[in-house]
Amino acid sequence: MPTMARGCIAEFLGTFALVFFGAGAIILTRAVVPGEAAPGSLVTVALAHGLVLGVFVPACMYISGAQFNPAVSIGLLLIGKQPARTAIAYIITQLIAAACAAGMLVFLLGSQLANNDSVRLGATLGSFSMGETANLRGLFGLELIMTFALMFIILTAVVDKRAHKVAGVAVGMTVAMCIVAFGPLTGASMNPARTFGPAIYGHFGDHHWVYWVATILGACLAALTYRAVWQPTEDTQA
């Protein structure tokens, strides 16, 4: 099988799992008490996202790099870690996988459970992105900083050959950390695909564009920081 095809399959499976199990955890924790989050649900949601990445990153990283995130793919492209055609193919695959995962949740759980006004199909929406409590400055800044942190850990703890390989553990813990810290405010997306999947079923929110611009900018800033400070000199010269 061609390398590109193998990579796209890995990206599809990993992104599908992230959205399916991540959004599914949000749906089920809120379904326990209709209209409210169940006790401990934030930790449950963070754990679900972290565990998915903890197992799928090492499973797919030697095939595609286990990116599962358009912002990460663009960041890697920016510093020459992958060619443009690979980044484009992976981004398209990630978005399709996210849409399929959200659709599968609706199909299996039913719209009444999965896509009601309370759970919103596990969309990455928070108080800063919706209604009267919307805070554009806070939403943009938090998503940018969280994505910077995620991209930085991916580059320094996973991509860099000098790192002690903890792969999925480092990435999963970073995502879980961000969800616990700021999930109620922004949804702690850090990933345009994770936001895009539920959004196409009616949950774009008031500032959907932020989940693209802020996350991509955060990933690119982290990639440039890595290249300027952490990347080995011989790699920079190459």
Protein backbone atom coordinates (compact mmCIF):
# COMPACT_ATOMS: atom_id res chain seq x y z
CA MET A 1 0.00 0.00 0.00
CA PRO A 2 1.38 3.48 -0.88
CA THR A 3 2.82 5.48 2.03
CA MET A 4 0.33 8.32 1.57
CA ALA A 5 -2.63 5.96 1.70
CA ARG A 6 -1.32 4.30 4.85
CA GLY A 7 -0.82 7.69 6.46
CA CYS A 8 -4.33 8.85 5.59
CA ILE A 9 -5.85 5.68 7.03
CA ALA A 10 -3.91 6.21 10.27
CA GLU A 11 -5.01 9.85 10.44
CA PHE A 12 -8.61 8.88 9.78
CA LEU A 13 -8.69 6.25 12.52
CA GLY A 14 -6.96 8.46 15.08
CA THR A 15 -9.08 11.53 14.41
CA PHE A 16 -12.26 9.48 14.30
CA ALA A 17 -11.41 7.97 17.69
CA LEU A 18 -10.62 11.36 19.22
CA VAL A 19 -13.94 12.88 18.16
CA PHE A 20 -16.04 9.75 18.71
CA PHE A 21 -14.82 8.96 22.22
CA GLY A 22 -14.17 12.57 23.24
CA ALA A 23 -17.56 13.87 22.16
CA GLY A 24 -19.18 10.66 23.34
CA ALA A 25 -17.85 11.24 26.85
CA ILE A 26 -19.42 14.71 26.90
CA ILE A 27 -22.75 13.33 25.70
CA LEU A 28 -22.90 10.53 28.23
CA THR A 29 -21.75 12.50 31.27
CA ARG A 30 -24.38 15.15 30.62
CA ALA A 31 -27.05 12.58 29.82
CA VAL A 32 -26.88 11.26 33.39
CA VAL A 33 -28.59 14.42 34.65
CA PRO A 34 -30.55 16.02 31.76
CA GLY A 35 -29.53 19.62 31.25
CA GLU A 36 -26.67 19.43 33.73
CA ALA A 37 -23.16 18.09 33.88
CA ALA A 38 -22.86 14.96 35.99
CA PRO A 39 -20.58 15.12 39.05
CA GLY A 40 -16.96 14.77 38.01
CA SER A 41 -17.88 15.07 34.34
CA LEU A 42 -15.09 17.52 33.51
CA VAL A 43 -12.47 15.07 34.75
CA THR A 44 -14.26 12.26 32.92
CA VAL A 45 -14.21 14.20 29.65
CA ALA A 46 -10.55 15.15 30.12
CA LEU A 47 -9.66 11.55 30.87
CA ALA A 48 -11.53 10.28 27.79
CA HIS A 49 -9.65 12.65 25.48
CA GLY A 50 -6.34 11.94 27.18
CA LEU A 51 -6.74 8.17 27.06
CA VAL A 52 -7.72 8.19 23.38
CA LEU A 53 -4.55 10.07 22.51
CA GLY A 54 -2.54 7.98 24.93
CA VAL A 55 -3.29 4.82 22.96
CA PHE A 56 -3.77 6.08 19.40
CA VAL A 57 -0.69 8.31 19.21
CA PRO A 58 1.80 5.47 19.74
CA ALA A 59 -0.33 3.20 17.54
CA CYS A 60 -0.22 5.58 14.57
CA MET A 61 2.88 7.74 15.02
CA TYR A 62 5.21 5.48 13.01
CA ILE A 63 2.72 5.52 10.11
CA SER A 64 1.59 9.15 9.87
CA GLY A 65 3.12 10.92 12.85
CA ALA A 66 -0.26 10.68 14.64
CA GLN A 67 -1.19 14.30 13.97
CA PHE A 68 -5.00 14.03 14.20
CA ASN A 69 -5.19 17.84 14.08
CA PRO A 70 -5.09 20.32 11.15
CA ALA A 71 -3.28 22.89 13.32
CA VAL A 72 -0.54 20.36 14.08
CA SER A 73 -0.28 19.40 10.41
CA ILE A 74 0.15 23.06 9.43
CA GLY A 75 2.70 23.63 12.19
CA LEU A 76 4.78 20.68 10.99
CA LEU A 77 4.54 21.95 7.43
CA LEU A 78 5.71 25.41 8.49
CA ILE A 79 9.04 24.14 9.85
CA GLY A 80 9.65 21.62 7.11
CA LYS A 81 8.71 18.45 8.97
CA GLN A 82 6.43 17.30 6.15
CA PRO A 83 5.70 18.30 2.52
CA ALA A 84 2.66 20.37 1.56
CA ARG A 85 0.90 17.52 -0.25
CA THR A 86 1.11 15.35 2.86
CA ALA A 87 -0.22 18.12 5.08
CA ILE A 88 -3.12 18.82 2.72
CA ALA A 89 -4.03 15.13 2.42
CA TYR A 90 -3.92 14.69 6.19
CA ILE A 91 -5.99 17.80 6.90
CA ILE A 92 -8.73 16.72 4.48
CA THR A 93 -8.69 13.24 6.02
CA GLN A 94 -8.91 14.65 9.55
CA LEU A 95 -11.93 16.78 8.71
CA ILE A 96 -13.72 13.89 7.02
CA ALA A 97 -12.96 11.62 9.97
CA ALA A 98 -14.30 14.19 12.44
CA ALA A 99 -17.51 14.58 10.45
CA CYS A 100 -17.94 10.80 10.23
CA ALA A 101 -17.37 10.37 13.98
CA ALA A 102 -19.99 13.00 14.84
CA GLY A 103 -22.41 11.44 12.37
CA MET A 104 -21.81 8.00 13.84
CA LEU A 105 -22.69 9.29 17.31
CA VAL A 106 -25.99 10.65 15.96
CA PHE A 107 -26.65 7.39 14.13
CA LEU A 108 -25.90 5.12 17.09
CA LEU A 109 -27.25 7.21 19.97
CA GLY A 110 -30.03 9.04 18.17
CA SER A 111 -30.50 12.78 17.83
CA GLN A 112 -32.62 13.02 20.96
CA LEU A 113 -29.75 11.83 23.15
CA ALA A 114 -26.68 12.91 21.20
CA ASN A 115 -27.75 16.19 19.66
CA ASN A 116 -30.11 17.91 22.08
CA ASP A 117 -29.66 21.46 23.39
CA SER A 118 -27.85 20.23 26.49
CA VAL A 119 -25.13 18.00 25.07
CA ARG A 120 -24.84 19.58 21.57
CA LEU A 121 -23.16 16.47 20.15
CA GLY A 122 -20.15 16.98 22.39
CA ALA A 123 -19.25 20.24 20.66
CA THR A 124 -16.20 22.16 21.86
CA LEU A 125 -18.22 25.15 23.02
CA GLY A 126 -17.91 27.00 26.31
CA SER A 127 -19.22 30.07 28.09
CA PHE A 128 -16.68 32.25 26.26
CA SER A 129 -17.95 31.19 22.83
CA MET A 130 -21.72 31.43 23.20
CA GLY A 131 -24.49 33.85 24.02
CA GLU A 132 -24.37 36.72 26.47
CA THR A 133 -21.27 35.43 28.26
CA ALA A 134 -19.20 35.32 25.06
CA ASN A 135 -15.68 36.68 25.51
CA LEU A 136 -13.86 36.87 22.20
CA ARG A 137 -10.56 38.03 23.71
CA GLY A 138 -10.59 35.26 26.29
CA LEU A 139 -11.68 32.63 23.78
CA PHE A 140 -8.99 33.54 21.26
CA GLY A 141 -6.23 33.88 23.82
CA LEU A 142 -6.98 30.66 25.70
CA GLU A 143 -7.28 28.54 22.55
CA LEU A 144 -4.05 30.03 21.21
CA ILE A 145 -2.11 29.33 24.42
CA MET A 146 -3.51 25.83 24.87
CA THR A 147 -2.69 24.91 21.27
CA PHE A 148 0.79 26.40 21.67
CA ALA A 149 1.30 24.13 24.68
CA LEU A 150 0.01 21.09 22.80
CA MET A 151 2.17 21.72 19.74
CA PHE A 152 5.21 22.44 21.88
CA ILE A 153 4.84 19.10 23.68
CA ILE A 154 4.31 17.26 20.39
CA LEU A 155 7.52 18.69 18.96
CA THR A 156 9.74 18.43 22.03
CA ALA A 157 8.47 15.19 23.56
CA VAL A 158 7.39 13.20 20.50
CA VAL A 159 8.90 14.50 17.25
CA ASP A 160 12.38 15.40 18.52
CA LYS A 161 14.69 12.38 18.31
CA ARG A 162 16.49 13.41 21.51
CA ALA A 163 13.36 13.12 23.66
CA HIS A 164 12.62 10.20 25.92
CA LYS A 165 9.73 8.74 24.01
CA VAL A 166 6.58 9.00 26.07
CA ALA A 167 4.56 9.77 22.94
CA GLY A 168 0.87 9.35 23.66
CA VAL A 169 1.23 9.89 27.41
CA ALA A 170 2.70 13.37 26.97
CA VAL A 171 0.17 14.41 24.34
CA GLY A 172 -2.79 12.90 26.18
CA MET A 173 -1.84 14.51 29.49
CA THR A 174 -1.45 17.90 27.82
CA VAL A 175 -4.92 17.73 26.29
CA ALA A 176 -6.43 16.49 29.57
CA MET A 177 -4.68 19.30 31.46
CA CYS A 178 -6.14 21.93 29.14
CA ILE A 179 -9.66 20.48 29.35
CA VAL A 180 -9.59 20.44 33.15
CA ALA A 181 -8.23 24.00 33.26
CA PHE A 182 -10.34 25.78 30.66
CA GLY A 183 -12.84 23.33 29.17
CA PRO A 184 -15.91 25.08 30.63
CA LEU A 185 -14.81 28.40 29.13
CA THR A 186 -13.81 27.49 25.56
CA GLY A 187 -14.46 23.78 25.18
CA ALA A 188 -10.66 23.32 25.07
CA SER A 189 -10.62 22.36 21.41
CA MET A 190 -6.99 22.98 20.35
CA ASN A 191 -8.02 21.22 17.15
CA PRO A 192 -10.10 22.54 14.22
CA ALA A 193 -11.18 19.01 13.30
CA ARG A 194 -12.44 18.28 16.81
CA THR A 195 -14.57 21.44 16.57
CA PHE A 196 -15.59 20.91 12.94
CA GLY A 197 -17.14 17.45 13.38
CA PRO A 198 -19.98 18.41 15.77
CA ALA A 199 -20.24 21.89 14.20
CA ILE A 200 -21.53 20.63 10.86
CA TYR A 201 -24.49 19.09 12.69
CA GLY A 202 -25.61 22.52 13.85
CA HIS A 203 -23.13 23.64 16.51
CA PHE A 204 -20.93 26.28 14.93
CA GLY A 205 -21.31 28.65 17.88
CA ASP A 206 -20.96 32.41 17.74
CA HIS A 207 -17.22 32.47 17.01
CA HIS A 208 -16.45 29.28 15.10
CA TRP A 209 -13.63 30.97 13.17
CA VAL A 210 -11.64 31.37 16.40
CA TYR A 211 -11.26 27.61 16.66
CA TRP A 212 -9.44 27.71 13.34
CA VAL A 213 -7.43 30.92 13.51
CA ALA A 214 -6.36 30.78 17.16
CA THR A 215 -5.41 27.09 17.08
CA ILE A 216 -3.46 27.34 13.83
CA LEU A 217 -1.68 30.47 15.04
CA GLY A 218 -0.83 28.83 18.36
CA ALA A 219 0.57 25.75 16.63
CA CYS A 220 2.62 27.85 14.22
CA LEU A 221 4.06 29.99 17.02
CA ALA A 222 5.05 26.87 18.92
CA ALA A 223 6.64 25.39 15.80
CA LEU A 224 8.66 28.55 15.19
CA THR A 225 9.74 28.64 18.84
CA TYR A 226 10.86 25.03 18.60
CA ARG A 227 12.82 25.71 15.40
CA ALA A 228 14.51 28.76 16.90
CA VAL A 229 15.47 27.27 20.26
CA TRP A 230 15.05 23.50 20.52
CA GLN A 231 15.67 22.13 17.03
CA PRO A 232 19.19 20.71 16.57
CA THR A 233 21.53 22.92 14.52
CA GLU A 234 22.12 20.26 11.88
CA ASP A 235 18.35 19.94 11.29
CA THR A 236 18.01 23.71 10.95
CA GLN A 237 20.83 23.88 8.44
CA ALA A 238 19.40 21.00 6.45
